[in-house]
Amino acid sequence: MYLSLTRFALLVIVACSIATASSAQDNESGHGPDNPNNETSNFLFPAGSPEALPRKTARELSAAVTNAVVTELKAASAFCGRIKQREYVIDCLAYEHARIAAALPNTGEYAAVKEAVAQTAARLERVVRQNPSRTLPTAPIAQGGSKPRRTARALRPVATEALPKAAAEATRIIQESQTVLIRSTENSQERRRQFQRIVSAMDTGTILLRSI
């Protein structure tokens, strides 16, 4: 009974600390959760609903759709990069990649992007499962600001001692997905031009992982 209560208390403390630390930068700029117009606690950003993406309708190549994918990838890295406890970053990137992939169509010009991003998410999740923390609890994260957001599921932490190795593996996974995506452009110069921008946006994830 005592152990159960202790673990529950730890879960609450960690979850609160993650959310508080994540929104600290927003608070400094006057846009944190203290602002009554930004209710972070009820704002979910679930899989398949990136606000900038035309959900599952982006079948033709266009600068607008590519811009949306680029925006989401960069926002994902920024979101995960604000997490103070770095053990949660890899699963945050996995969650965000899965969320973006779910909003892309199964067919058409962006199907290759969907597959590459979905595979990245699945492989990042595998890294997390293979290096689980035995001390830190799973916990959702929330951030305030002008566009508050909260993960729709709890994030799973990597063991602190395994973090360098796991981050290196996660970096390699994203790089391999970038290579696959470029190869998928075949002989289409326009597809290569559009996909190169998406590949460049994926670099924000590798930069974040190298900072762990």
N, C-alpha and C. Protein backbone atom coordinates (compact mmCIF):
# COMPACT_ATOMS: atom_id res chain seq x y z
N MET A 1 0.84 -1.20 0.00
CA MET A 1 0.00 0.00 0.00
C MET A 1 0.87 1.25 0.00
N TYR A 2 1.89 1.24 0.88
CA TYR A 2 2.78 2.39 0.97
C TYR A 2 3.54 2.60 -0.34
N LEU A 3 4.02 1.48 -0.94
CA LEU A 3 4.76 1.56 -2.19
C LEU A 3 3.88 2.08 -3.32
N SER A 4 2.60 1.65 -3.34
CA SER A 4 1.68 2.10 -4.38
C SER A 4 1.44 3.61 -4.28
N LEU A 5 1.24 4.09 -3.04
CA LEU A 5 1.03 5.52 -2.84
C LEU A 5 2.27 6.32 -3.22
N THR A 6 3.44 5.77 -2.90
CA THR A 6 4.69 6.44 -3.22
C THR A 6 4.86 6.56 -4.73
N ARG A 7 4.56 5.47 -5.45
CA ARG A 7 4.69 5.49 -6.92
C ARG A 7 3.69 6.46 -7.54
N PHE A 8 2.47 6.49 -7.00
CA PHE A 8 1.47 7.42 -7.51
C PHE A 8 1.92 8.86 -7.31
N ALA A 9 2.49 9.14 -6.14
CA ALA A 9 2.97 10.48 -5.87
C ALA A 9 4.09 10.88 -6.82
N LEU A 10 4.98 9.92 -7.10
CA LEU A 10 6.07 10.18 -8.03
C LEU A 10 5.55 10.49 -9.42
N LEU A 11 4.53 9.75 -9.85
CA LEU A 11 3.93 9.97 -11.16
C LEU A 11 3.38 11.38 -11.28
N VAL A 12 2.66 11.81 -10.25
CA VAL A 12 2.07 13.14 -10.26
C VAL A 12 3.14 14.22 -10.30
N ILE A 13 4.20 14.03 -9.48
CA ILE A 13 5.27 15.03 -9.41
C ILE A 13 5.99 15.15 -10.74
N VAL A 14 6.31 14.01 -11.33
CA VAL A 14 7.06 14.03 -12.60
C VAL A 14 6.21 14.64 -13.71
N ALA A 15 4.95 14.24 -13.79
CA ALA A 15 4.07 14.77 -14.83
C ALA A 15 3.95 16.28 -14.73
N CYS A 16 3.80 16.75 -13.49
CA CYS A 16 3.67 18.19 -13.28
C CYS A 16 4.97 18.91 -13.62
N SER A 17 6.10 18.30 -13.23
CA SER A 17 7.39 18.95 -13.48
C SER A 17 7.68 19.03 -14.97
N ILE A 18 7.30 17.99 -15.72
CA ILE A 18 7.52 18.01 -17.17
C ILE A 18 6.72 19.14 -17.80
N ALA A 19 5.44 19.21 -17.46
CA ALA A 19 4.58 20.22 -18.05
C ALA A 19 5.04 21.62 -17.68
N THR A 20 5.44 21.81 -16.40
CA THR A 20 5.86 23.12 -15.94
C THR A 20 7.15 23.56 -16.60
N ALA A 21 8.12 22.63 -16.66
CA ALA A 21 9.39 22.97 -17.30
C ALA A 21 9.23 23.23 -18.77
N SER A 22 8.32 22.48 -19.40
CA SER A 22 8.13 22.62 -20.84
C SER A 22 7.58 23.98 -21.21
N SER A 23 6.77 24.57 -20.33
CA SER A 23 6.13 25.84 -20.67
C SER A 23 6.85 27.03 -20.06
N ALA A 24 8.02 26.80 -19.45
CA ALA A 24 8.72 27.87 -18.77
C ALA A 24 9.10 28.99 -19.73
N GLN A 25 9.60 28.62 -20.91
CA GLN A 25 9.99 29.63 -21.88
C GLN A 25 8.80 30.46 -22.32
N ASP A 26 7.64 29.83 -22.45
CA ASP A 26 6.44 30.56 -22.86
C ASP A 26 6.01 31.53 -21.78
N ASN A 27 6.16 31.13 -20.50
CA ASN A 27 5.78 32.00 -19.41
C ASN A 27 6.60 33.28 -19.43
N GLU A 28 7.90 33.14 -19.77
CA GLU A 28 8.78 34.29 -19.78
C GLU A 28 8.34 35.32 -20.82
N SER A 29 7.71 34.86 -21.88
CA SER A 29 7.28 35.78 -22.93
C SER A 29 5.85 36.27 -22.72
N GLY A 30 5.25 35.88 -21.60
CA GLY A 30 3.91 36.34 -21.30
C GLY A 30 2.80 35.53 -21.90
N HIS A 31 3.12 34.34 -22.41
CA HIS A 31 2.10 33.53 -23.08
C HIS A 31 1.93 32.18 -22.41
N GLY A 32 2.24 32.06 -21.15
CA GLY A 32 2.19 30.77 -20.48
C GLY A 32 0.80 30.41 -20.01
N PRO A 33 0.67 29.28 -19.28
CA PRO A 33 -0.64 28.81 -18.84
C PRO A 33 -1.33 29.73 -17.85
N ASP A 34 -0.59 30.71 -17.27
CA ASP A 34 -1.23 31.67 -16.38
C ASP A 34 -2.19 32.57 -17.15
N ASN A 35 -2.01 32.65 -18.46
CA ASN A 35 -2.90 33.43 -19.30
C ASN A 35 -4.23 32.70 -19.40
N PRO A 36 -5.33 33.27 -18.96
CA PRO A 36 -6.62 32.57 -18.96
C PRO A 36 -7.11 32.20 -20.34
N ASN A 37 -6.56 32.81 -21.38
CA ASN A 37 -6.98 32.47 -22.74
C ASN A 37 -6.28 31.24 -23.29
N ASN A 38 -5.33 30.69 -22.54
CA ASN A 38 -4.58 29.53 -22.99
C ASN A 38 -4.74 28.39 -21.99
N GLU A 39 -5.76 27.60 -22.15
CA GLU A 39 -6.05 26.50 -21.25
C GLU A 39 -5.35 25.22 -21.73
N THR A 40 -4.13 25.01 -21.28
CA THR A 40 -3.34 23.88 -21.76
C THR A 40 -3.94 22.54 -21.34
N SER A 41 -4.51 22.46 -20.15
CA SER A 41 -4.92 21.18 -19.60
C SER A 41 -5.97 20.46 -20.44
N ASN A 42 -6.79 21.21 -21.18
CA ASN A 42 -7.84 20.59 -21.97
C ASN A 42 -7.53 20.57 -23.46
N PHE A 43 -6.33 20.95 -23.84
CA PHE A 43 -5.99 21.05 -25.25
C PHE A 43 -5.21 19.81 -25.67
N LEU A 44 -5.87 18.93 -26.41
CA LEU A 44 -5.23 17.71 -26.90
C LEU A 44 -4.81 17.88 -28.35
N PHE A 45 -3.67 17.33 -28.69
CA PHE A 45 -3.18 17.34 -30.05
C PHE A 45 -2.98 15.89 -30.45
N PRO A 46 -4.07 15.14 -30.72
CA PRO A 46 -3.98 13.69 -30.91
C PRO A 46 -3.39 13.30 -32.25
N ALA A 47 -3.05 12.01 -32.37
CA ALA A 47 -2.51 11.49 -33.62
C ALA A 47 -3.48 11.74 -34.76
N GLY A 48 -2.93 12.16 -35.89
CA GLY A 48 -3.76 12.36 -37.07
C GLY A 48 -4.40 13.71 -37.18
N SER A 49 -4.03 14.67 -36.31
CA SER A 49 -4.67 15.97 -36.40
C SER A 49 -3.68 17.14 -36.35
N PRO A 50 -2.61 17.10 -37.15
CA PRO A 50 -1.76 18.29 -37.21
C PRO A 50 -2.56 19.45 -37.79
N GLU A 51 -2.53 20.57 -37.11
CA GLU A 51 -3.40 21.67 -37.50
C GLU A 51 -3.03 22.26 -38.87
N ALA A 52 -1.78 22.12 -39.29
CA ALA A 52 -1.36 22.74 -40.54
C ALA A 52 -1.56 21.84 -41.75
N LEU A 53 -1.87 20.58 -41.54
CA LEU A 53 -1.96 19.65 -42.66
C LEU A 53 -3.39 19.47 -43.17
N PRO A 54 -3.59 19.49 -44.50
CA PRO A 54 -4.90 19.17 -45.07
C PRO A 54 -5.11 17.68 -44.99
N ARG A 55 -5.76 17.21 -43.94
CA ARG A 55 -5.76 15.79 -43.59
C ARG A 55 -6.17 14.87 -44.73
N LYS A 56 -5.21 14.02 -45.11
CA LYS A 56 -5.44 12.92 -46.05
C LYS A 56 -6.00 13.38 -47.40
N THR A 57 -5.74 14.63 -47.74
CA THR A 57 -6.19 15.12 -49.04
C THR A 57 -5.02 15.58 -49.89
N ALA A 58 -3.80 15.52 -49.35
CA ALA A 58 -2.63 16.07 -50.01
C ALA A 58 -2.03 15.06 -50.99
N ARG A 59 -2.74 14.80 -52.07
CA ARG A 59 -2.29 13.75 -52.99
C ARG A 59 -1.39 14.28 -54.11
N GLU A 60 -1.48 15.56 -54.41
CA GLU A 60 -0.66 16.14 -55.46
C GLU A 60 0.46 16.97 -54.86
N LEU A 61 1.60 17.00 -55.56
CA LEU A 61 2.71 17.82 -55.11
C LEU A 61 2.32 19.30 -55.14
N SER A 62 2.63 19.99 -54.07
CA SER A 62 2.38 21.43 -54.04
C SER A 62 3.26 22.05 -52.97
N ALA A 63 3.63 23.31 -53.21
CA ALA A 63 4.43 24.02 -52.22
C ALA A 63 3.68 24.17 -50.91
N ALA A 64 2.35 24.34 -50.99
CA ALA A 64 1.55 24.54 -49.78
C ALA A 64 1.58 23.31 -48.87
N VAL A 65 1.42 22.13 -49.48
CA VAL A 65 1.43 20.91 -48.68
C VAL A 65 2.83 20.64 -48.13
N THR A 66 3.83 20.83 -48.97
CA THR A 66 5.20 20.64 -48.49
C THR A 66 5.49 21.60 -47.35
N ASN A 67 5.07 22.84 -47.47
CA ASN A 67 5.25 23.81 -46.39
C ASN A 67 4.60 23.33 -45.10
N ALA A 68 3.42 22.73 -45.23
CA ALA A 68 2.70 22.24 -44.05
C ALA A 68 3.47 21.11 -43.38
N VAL A 69 3.99 20.18 -44.16
CA VAL A 69 4.76 19.07 -43.60
C VAL A 69 6.03 19.59 -42.93
N VAL A 70 6.70 20.52 -43.60
CA VAL A 70 7.92 21.11 -43.04
C VAL A 70 7.61 21.82 -41.72
N THR A 71 6.52 22.58 -41.72
CA THR A 71 6.11 23.29 -40.50
C THR A 71 5.87 22.32 -39.35
N GLU A 72 5.18 21.22 -39.63
CA GLU A 72 4.87 20.25 -38.59
C GLU A 72 6.12 19.55 -38.05
N LEU A 73 7.04 19.21 -38.94
CA LEU A 73 8.27 18.55 -38.50
C LEU A 73 9.10 19.47 -37.61
N LYS A 74 9.21 20.72 -38.00
CA LYS A 74 9.96 21.68 -37.20
C LYS A 74 9.28 21.94 -35.86
N ALA A 75 7.95 22.05 -35.90
CA ALA A 75 7.20 22.28 -34.66
C ALA A 75 7.32 21.09 -33.72
N ALA A 76 7.37 19.89 -34.30
CA ALA A 76 7.51 18.68 -33.49
C ALA A 76 8.83 18.69 -32.73
N SER A 77 9.92 19.04 -33.42
CA SER A 77 11.23 19.09 -32.78
C SER A 77 11.28 20.18 -31.71
N ALA A 78 10.64 21.31 -32.00
CA ALA A 78 10.60 22.39 -31.02
C ALA A 78 9.81 21.97 -29.78
N PHE A 79 8.69 21.32 -30.00
CA PHE A 79 7.84 20.82 -28.91
C PHE A 79 8.62 19.86 -28.03
N CYS A 80 9.25 18.87 -28.65
CA CYS A 80 10.00 17.87 -27.89
C CYS A 80 11.26 18.48 -27.26
N GLY A 81 11.83 19.47 -27.92
CA GLY A 81 13.05 20.08 -27.42
C GLY A 81 12.84 20.89 -26.14
N ARG A 82 11.60 21.24 -25.84
CA ARG A 82 11.33 22.01 -24.62
C ARG A 82 11.15 21.11 -23.39
N ILE A 83 11.22 19.82 -23.58
CA ILE A 83 11.08 18.92 -22.43
C ILE A 83 12.36 18.94 -21.61
N LYS A 84 12.24 19.29 -20.36
CA LYS A 84 13.42 19.41 -19.50
C LYS A 84 14.06 18.06 -19.25
N GLN A 85 13.26 17.03 -18.99
CA GLN A 85 13.80 15.69 -18.72
C GLN A 85 14.01 14.98 -20.06
N ARG A 86 15.26 14.91 -20.47
CA ARG A 86 15.59 14.45 -21.81
C ARG A 86 15.25 12.98 -22.05
N GLU A 87 15.02 12.23 -20.98
CA GLU A 87 14.67 10.82 -21.14
C GLU A 87 13.37 10.63 -21.93
N TYR A 88 12.54 11.66 -22.00
CA TYR A 88 11.25 11.57 -22.69
C TYR A 88 11.30 12.04 -24.15
N VAL A 89 12.43 12.58 -24.58
CA VAL A 89 12.50 13.21 -25.90
C VAL A 89 12.31 12.21 -27.04
N ILE A 90 12.93 11.04 -26.95
CA ILE A 90 12.85 10.09 -28.07
C ILE A 90 11.41 9.63 -28.28
N ASP A 91 10.70 9.33 -27.21
CA ASP A 91 9.31 8.91 -27.39
C ASP A 91 8.44 10.07 -27.83
N CYS A 92 8.82 11.29 -27.44
CA CYS A 92 8.09 12.47 -27.92
C CYS A 92 8.23 12.58 -29.43
N LEU A 93 9.45 12.38 -29.96
CA LEU A 93 9.65 12.41 -31.40
C LEU A 93 8.89 11.28 -32.08
N ALA A 94 8.85 10.11 -31.45
CA ALA A 94 8.09 9.00 -32.01
C ALA A 94 6.61 9.36 -32.09
N TYR A 95 6.08 9.92 -31.03
CA TYR A 95 4.68 10.34 -30.98
C TYR A 95 4.37 11.37 -32.07
N GLU A 96 5.25 12.36 -32.18
CA GLU A 96 5.02 13.43 -33.15
C GLU A 96 5.09 12.92 -34.59
N HIS A 97 6.05 12.05 -34.87
CA HIS A 97 6.14 11.50 -36.23
C HIS A 97 4.90 10.66 -36.57
N ALA A 98 4.43 9.89 -35.60
CA ALA A 98 3.22 9.09 -35.83
C ALA A 98 2.02 10.00 -36.07
N ARG A 99 1.94 11.09 -35.34
CA ARG A 99 0.85 12.04 -35.49
C ARG A 99 0.85 12.66 -36.88
N ILE A 100 2.01 13.04 -37.37
CA ILE A 100 2.12 13.64 -38.69
C ILE A 100 1.80 12.63 -39.78
N ALA A 101 2.36 11.42 -39.64
CA ALA A 101 2.12 10.38 -40.64
C ALA A 101 0.64 10.05 -40.77
N ALA A 102 -0.07 10.04 -39.64
CA ALA A 102 -1.49 9.68 -39.65
C ALA A 102 -2.34 10.67 -40.43
N ALA A 103 -1.83 11.89 -40.60
CA ALA A 103 -2.60 12.92 -41.31
C ALA A 103 -2.32 12.93 -42.80
N LEU A 104 -1.34 12.14 -43.26
CA LEU A 104 -0.98 12.12 -44.68
C LEU A 104 -1.72 11.00 -45.40
N PRO A 105 -1.95 11.16 -46.70
CA PRO A 105 -2.72 10.16 -47.46
C PRO A 105 -1.93 8.89 -47.73
N ASN A 106 -2.67 7.81 -47.95
CA ASN A 106 -2.04 6.51 -48.25
C ASN A 106 -1.61 6.41 -49.71
N THR A 107 -2.17 7.23 -50.55
CA THR A 107 -1.86 7.19 -51.98
C THR A 107 -1.49 8.59 -52.45
N GLY A 108 -0.94 8.68 -53.67
CA GLY A 108 -0.59 9.97 -54.22
C GLY A 108 0.87 10.31 -53.98
N GLU A 109 1.24 11.54 -54.32
CA GLU A 109 2.63 11.97 -54.28
C GLU A 109 3.24 11.95 -52.88
N TYR A 110 2.41 12.15 -51.86
CA TYR A 110 2.95 12.22 -50.49
C TYR A 110 2.86 10.90 -49.73
N ALA A 111 2.46 9.84 -50.43
CA ALA A 111 2.39 8.53 -49.77
C ALA A 111 3.76 8.07 -49.31
N ALA A 112 4.80 8.38 -50.10
CA ALA A 112 6.16 8.01 -49.72
C ALA A 112 6.60 8.75 -48.45
N VAL A 113 6.16 9.99 -48.32
CA VAL A 113 6.46 10.76 -47.11
C VAL A 113 5.77 10.12 -45.91
N LYS A 114 4.50 9.76 -46.09
CA LYS A 114 3.76 9.11 -45.01
C LYS A 114 4.47 7.85 -44.54
N GLU A 115 4.89 7.02 -45.50
CA GLU A 115 5.54 5.76 -45.15
C GLU A 115 6.86 6.00 -44.42
N ALA A 116 7.66 6.93 -44.91
CA ALA A 116 8.95 7.22 -44.28
C ALA A 116 8.78 7.76 -42.86
N VAL A 117 7.83 8.67 -42.69
CA VAL A 117 7.61 9.26 -41.37
C VAL A 117 7.01 8.23 -40.41
N ALA A 118 6.10 7.39 -40.91
CA ALA A 118 5.50 6.34 -40.07
C ALA A 118 6.55 5.32 -39.65
N GLN A 119 7.43 4.95 -40.56
CA GLN A 119 8.49 4.01 -40.23
C GLN A 119 9.45 4.61 -39.20
N THR A 120 9.72 5.88 -39.33
CA THR A 120 10.55 6.57 -38.34
C THR A 120 9.91 6.47 -36.96
N ALA A 121 8.62 6.74 -36.90
CA ALA A 121 7.90 6.67 -35.61
C ALA A 121 7.98 5.27 -35.01
N ALA A 122 7.72 4.27 -35.83
CA ALA A 122 7.72 2.88 -35.34
C ALA A 122 9.10 2.47 -34.83
N ARG A 123 10.12 2.87 -35.55
CA ARG A 123 11.48 2.48 -35.15
C ARG A 123 11.94 3.25 -33.90
N LEU A 124 11.53 4.50 -33.78
CA LEU A 124 11.85 5.26 -32.57
C LEU A 124 11.15 4.65 -31.35
N GLU A 125 9.92 4.22 -31.54
CA GLU A 125 9.19 3.57 -30.45
C GLU A 125 9.92 2.29 -30.01
N ARG A 126 10.48 1.57 -30.99
CA ARG A 126 11.21 0.35 -30.67
C ARG A 126 12.45 0.65 -29.82
N VAL A 127 13.13 1.74 -30.13
CA VAL A 127 14.29 2.15 -29.33
C VAL A 127 13.88 2.40 -27.89
N VAL A 128 12.74 3.08 -27.72
CA VAL A 128 12.24 3.36 -26.37
C VAL A 128 11.91 2.07 -25.63
N ARG A 129 11.24 1.15 -26.31
CA ARG A 129 10.87 -0.12 -25.67
C ARG A 129 12.11 -0.94 -25.28
N GLN A 130 13.16 -0.82 -26.06
CA GLN A 130 14.36 -1.60 -25.79
C GLN A 130 15.24 -0.99 -24.70
N ASN A 131 14.95 0.26 -24.34
CA ASN A 131 15.76 0.95 -23.32
C ASN A 131 14.88 1.61 -22.27
N PRO A 132 13.98 0.87 -21.65
CA PRO A 132 13.02 1.49 -20.73
C PRO A 132 13.64 1.92 -19.40
N SER A 133 13.13 3.01 -18.90
CA SER A 133 13.54 3.45 -17.56
C SER A 133 12.81 2.61 -16.52
N ARG A 134 13.52 2.21 -15.48
CA ARG A 134 12.91 1.45 -14.38
C ARG A 134 12.53 2.36 -13.22
N THR A 135 12.86 3.63 -13.32
CA THR A 135 12.61 4.55 -12.21
C THR A 135 11.65 5.68 -12.55
N LEU A 136 11.71 6.18 -13.78
CA LEU A 136 10.83 7.28 -14.17
C LEU A 136 9.49 6.74 -14.67
N PRO A 137 8.40 7.39 -14.35
CA PRO A 137 7.08 6.94 -14.81
C PRO A 137 6.77 7.45 -16.21
N THR A 138 5.78 6.85 -16.83
CA THR A 138 5.25 7.41 -18.07
C THR A 138 4.41 8.63 -17.70
N ALA A 139 4.39 9.62 -18.57
CA ALA A 139 3.65 10.84 -18.27
C ALA A 139 3.39 11.63 -19.54
N PRO A 140 2.21 12.24 -19.67
CA PRO A 140 1.95 13.14 -20.80
C PRO A 140 2.68 14.46 -20.58
N ILE A 141 2.85 15.23 -21.63
CA ILE A 141 3.43 16.56 -21.46
C ILE A 141 2.49 17.59 -22.06
N ALA A 142 2.54 18.77 -21.50
CA ALA A 142 1.70 19.87 -21.98
C ALA A 142 2.54 21.14 -22.01
N GLN A 143 2.25 22.00 -22.97
CA GLN A 143 2.95 23.27 -23.09
C GLN A 143 1.96 24.37 -23.35
N GLY A 144 2.20 25.52 -22.73
CA GLY A 144 1.34 26.67 -22.94
C GLY A 144 1.84 27.51 -24.10
N GLY A 145 1.45 28.76 -24.12
CA GLY A 145 1.87 29.65 -25.19
C GLY A 145 0.71 30.03 -26.08
N SER A 146 1.02 30.66 -27.20
CA SER A 146 -0.03 31.11 -28.11
C SER A 146 -0.74 29.93 -28.77
N LYS A 147 -0.04 28.79 -28.88
CA LYS A 147 -0.64 27.57 -29.43
C LYS A 147 -0.39 26.42 -28.46
N PRO A 148 -1.13 26.37 -27.36
CA PRO A 148 -0.90 25.32 -26.36
C PRO A 148 -1.18 23.95 -26.93
N ARG A 149 -0.47 22.96 -26.42
CA ARG A 149 -0.67 21.60 -26.90
C ARG A 149 -0.29 20.62 -25.82
N ARG A 150 -0.85 19.43 -25.93
CA ARG A 150 -0.63 18.38 -24.94
C ARG A 150 -0.65 17.05 -25.66
N THR A 151 0.26 16.15 -25.30
CA THR A 151 0.27 14.85 -25.96
C THR A 151 -0.99 14.08 -25.57
N ALA A 152 -1.53 13.34 -26.53
CA ALA A 152 -2.75 12.58 -26.30
C ALA A 152 -2.49 11.26 -25.60
N ARG A 153 -1.24 10.92 -25.43
CA ARG A 153 -0.88 9.72 -24.66
C ARG A 153 0.31 10.04 -23.77
N ALA A 154 0.53 9.19 -22.79
CA ALA A 154 1.69 9.36 -21.93
C ALA A 154 2.96 9.00 -22.70
N LEU A 155 4.02 9.73 -22.42
CA LEU A 155 5.31 9.44 -23.04
C LEU A 155 6.12 8.51 -22.14
N ARG A 156 6.87 7.62 -22.78
CA ARG A 156 7.66 6.63 -22.05
C ARG A 156 9.12 7.06 -22.00
N PRO A 157 9.72 7.08 -20.82
CA PRO A 157 11.11 7.53 -20.70
C PRO A 157 12.11 6.42 -21.01
N VAL A 158 13.24 6.83 -21.55
CA VAL A 158 14.37 5.94 -21.74
C VAL A 158 15.21 5.96 -20.47
N ALA A 159 15.85 4.86 -20.15
CA ALA A 159 16.73 4.81 -18.98
C ALA A 159 17.83 5.86 -19.13
N THR A 160 18.10 6.58 -18.07
CA THR A 160 19.10 7.66 -18.11
C THR A 160 20.45 7.15 -18.59
N GLU A 161 20.87 6.00 -18.07
CA GLU A 161 22.18 5.47 -18.44
C GLU A 161 22.24 5.01 -19.90
N ALA A 162 21.09 4.73 -20.49
CA ALA A 162 21.04 4.27 -21.88
C ALA A 162 20.78 5.41 -22.87
N LEU A 163 20.59 6.62 -22.36
CA LEU A 163 20.18 7.73 -23.21
C LEU A 163 21.18 8.05 -24.33
N PRO A 164 22.48 8.12 -24.07
CA PRO A 164 23.42 8.42 -25.17
C PRO A 164 23.34 7.40 -26.30
N LYS A 165 23.32 6.12 -25.95
CA LYS A 165 23.24 5.07 -26.96
C LYS A 165 21.90 5.14 -27.71
N ALA A 166 20.82 5.34 -26.98
CA ALA A 166 19.49 5.39 -27.59
C ALA A 166 19.36 6.60 -28.50
N ALA A 167 19.91 7.74 -28.09
CA ALA A 167 19.84 8.95 -28.91
C ALA A 167 20.64 8.77 -30.20
N ALA A 168 21.78 8.09 -30.11
CA ALA A 168 22.59 7.84 -31.31
C ALA A 168 21.83 6.93 -32.28
N GLU A 169 21.15 5.91 -31.75
CA GLU A 169 20.37 5.02 -32.57
C GLU A 169 19.19 5.76 -33.21
N ALA A 170 18.55 6.62 -32.43
CA ALA A 170 17.42 7.39 -32.94
C ALA A 170 17.87 8.34 -34.05
N THR A 171 19.05 8.92 -33.90
CA THR A 171 19.60 9.79 -34.94
C THR A 171 19.82 9.01 -36.23
N ARG A 172 20.37 7.81 -36.11
CA ARG A 172 20.62 6.98 -37.28
C ARG A 172 19.30 6.61 -37.98
N ILE A 173 18.27 6.37 -37.21
CA ILE A 173 16.96 6.02 -37.77
C ILE A 173 16.42 7.15 -38.63
N ILE A 174 16.48 8.36 -38.12
CA ILE A 174 15.99 9.50 -38.89
C ILE A 174 16.81 9.70 -40.15
N GLN A 175 18.13 9.55 -40.03
CA GLN A 175 18.99 9.71 -41.20
C GLN A 175 18.69 8.66 -42.27
N GLU A 176 18.43 7.45 -41.85
CA GLU A 176 18.09 6.40 -42.81
C GLU A 176 16.76 6.69 -43.50
N SER A 177 15.81 7.24 -42.74
CA SER A 177 14.52 7.62 -43.34
C SER A 177 14.70 8.75 -44.34
N GLN A 178 15.60 9.66 -44.06
CA GLN A 178 15.89 10.74 -45.00
C GLN A 178 16.44 10.17 -46.31
N THR A 179 17.32 9.21 -46.20
CA THR A 179 17.90 8.59 -47.40
C THR A 179 16.83 7.87 -48.21
N VAL A 180 15.97 7.13 -47.53
CA VAL A 180 14.88 6.41 -48.20
C VAL A 180 13.96 7.39 -48.93
N LEU A 181 13.69 8.50 -48.28
CA LEU A 181 12.78 9.49 -48.87
C LEU A 181 13.38 10.11 -50.13
N ILE A 182 14.64 10.43 -50.10
CA ILE A 182 15.30 11.00 -51.27
C ILE A 182 15.33 9.98 -52.41
N ARG A 183 15.60 8.73 -52.09
CA ARG A 183 15.63 7.69 -53.12
C ARG A 183 14.25 7.47 -53.75
N SER A 184 13.21 7.78 -53.01
CA SER A 184 11.86 7.57 -53.52
C SER A 184 11.47 8.58 -54.59
N THR A 185 12.28 9.61 -54.76
CA THR A 185 11.94 10.65 -55.74
C THR A 185 12.18 10.19 -57.17
N GLU A 186 12.94 9.11 -57.34
CA GLU A 186 13.21 8.54 -58.66
C GLU A 186 13.73 9.62 -59.61
N ASN A 187 13.09 9.74 -60.79
CA ASN A 187 13.58 10.69 -61.79
C ASN A 187 12.80 11.99 -61.83
N SER A 188 11.98 12.21 -60.84
CA SER A 188 11.16 13.43 -60.83
C SER A 188 11.92 14.56 -60.14
N GLN A 189 12.29 15.56 -60.90
CA GLN A 189 13.00 16.70 -60.32
C GLN A 189 12.11 17.49 -59.37
N GLU A 190 10.83 17.63 -59.71
CA GLU A 190 9.93 18.38 -58.84
C GLU A 190 9.71 17.66 -57.52
N ARG A 191 9.53 16.34 -57.57
CA ARG A 191 9.36 15.58 -56.34
C ARG A 191 10.63 15.67 -55.48
N ARG A 192 11.78 15.59 -56.14
CA ARG A 192 13.03 15.68 -55.40
C ARG A 192 13.17 17.06 -54.73
N ARG A 193 12.76 18.10 -55.45
CA ARG A 193 12.84 19.45 -54.87
C ARG A 193 11.93 19.60 -53.66
N GLN A 194 10.72 19.06 -53.77
CA GLN A 194 9.79 19.16 -52.64
C GLN A 194 10.23 18.29 -51.47
N PHE A 195 10.63 17.06 -51.78
CA PHE A 195 11.01 16.13 -50.72
C PHE A 195 12.30 16.55 -50.03
N GLN A 196 13.19 17.22 -50.76
CA GLN A 196 14.43 17.69 -50.15
C GLN A 196 14.14 18.68 -49.02
N ARG A 197 13.11 19.47 -49.19
CA ARG A 197 12.72 20.41 -48.13
C ARG A 197 12.23 19.65 -46.90
N ILE A 198 11.50 18.58 -47.12
CA ILE A 198 11.01 17.77 -46.00
C ILE A 198 12.19 17.07 -45.31
N VAL A 199 13.11 16.56 -46.10
CA VAL A 199 14.31 15.92 -45.54
C VAL A 199 15.10 16.91 -44.70
N SER A 200 15.23 18.13 -45.17
CA SER A 200 15.94 19.16 -44.42
C SER A 200 15.24 19.47 -43.10
N ALA A 201 13.92 19.48 -43.12
CA ALA A 201 13.16 19.72 -41.89
C ALA A 201 13.36 18.59 -40.88
N MET A 202 13.56 17.38 -41.38
CA MET A 202 13.81 16.25 -40.49
C MET A 202 15.14 16.40 -39.75
N ASP A 203 16.04 17.23 -40.28
CA ASP A 203 17.32 17.48 -39.60
C ASP A 203 17.11 18.10 -38.22
N THR A 204 16.00 18.81 -38.03
CA THR A 204 15.76 19.40 -36.72
C THR A 204 15.65 18.33 -35.64
N GLY A 205 15.17 17.15 -36.04
CA GLY A 205 15.10 16.04 -35.09
C GLY A 205 16.47 15.49 -34.75
N THR A 206 17.34 15.37 -35.75
CA THR A 206 18.69 14.85 -35.48
C THR A 206 19.49 15.85 -34.66
N ILE A 207 19.30 17.14 -34.92
CA ILE A 207 19.99 18.16 -34.13
C ILE A 207 19.58 18.09 -32.66
N LEU A 208 18.29 17.91 -32.43
CA LEU A 208 17.78 17.76 -31.07
C LEU A 208 18.38 16.53 -30.40
N LEU A 209 18.40 15.42 -31.08
CA LEU A 209 18.92 14.18 -30.50
C LEU A 209 20.40 14.30 -30.16
N ARG A 210 21.15 14.99 -30.99
CA ARG A 210 22.59 15.16 -30.70
C ARG A 210 22.84 16.05 -29.49
N SER A 211 21.83 16.83 -29.12
CA SER A 211 21.99 17.73 -27.97
C SER A 211 21.71 17.04 -26.64
N ILE A 212 21.22 15.80 -26.71
CA ILE A 212 20.89 15.07 -25.48
C ILE A 212 22.17 14.66 -24.75
